[in-house]
Amino acid sequence: MKIYTKTGDSGTTGLLRGGRVPKHHPRVEAYGTFDELNSWIGYARSLATDSGVSDLLLELQPRIHTLCSDVAADPTDEADHPLLPRISSDDVQFLENAIDRMDGELPALTNFILPGGATVGAVLHIARTICRRGERRLTELVEIGGSINEHSLVFANRLSDFLFTLARWTNHRAGQVETSWVGVKKS
């Protein structure tokens, strides 16, 4: 398989289903954002020295890759590609179970917190914001009439919650104290 195909030289790209679209198409923006997110997750995993954190990230990455594949394939053409991996309620449940497990070890939130902490925790906060952008791209795609797997949007929403909790959990395990946001004081 060649790395370059020359098929995108005119500014279009092929979807897994549904033909070719411009490289700036909302569907491409959506799965491209989650691809960017997965790269940041890989970076966080490369920095992680806590095996609990790196193991969770390693379990997460294939699911994000599946999300990219899922979004790159219009589900209205599913009969053409029945074996394509799909995000499912099991993937959402994985995130919820992990959130509940991590949250059980964390102090209760009483204020908004500022992103930061240990390096891995700070990178996970960046990942969370990229995930939120991906979620916005998904809702934009749906708004213009693009079809997506019903579990993809739920997964994306839960994924940002997972990344927020994982950033907090990572910082907690690293002994980093969270910085509360107290707002701007008026003079």
Foldseek 3Di string as FASTA:
>chain_A
DDPDDCPCVVQWDAFPADGIDGCPDLLNVLLVLLVVLLVLLVVLLVVDPDVVLNVVSVVCNVVSVLLSNQSSHQVVPCVVPVPRRHDDVVLLVSLVVLLVVLVVVADDDPAAFDADAPPSLNSLLVSLVSLVVSLVSVVVCVVVPGHGDPVSNSSSVSVSVSSNSSSRSSRVVVVTDTHGDPDDDDD
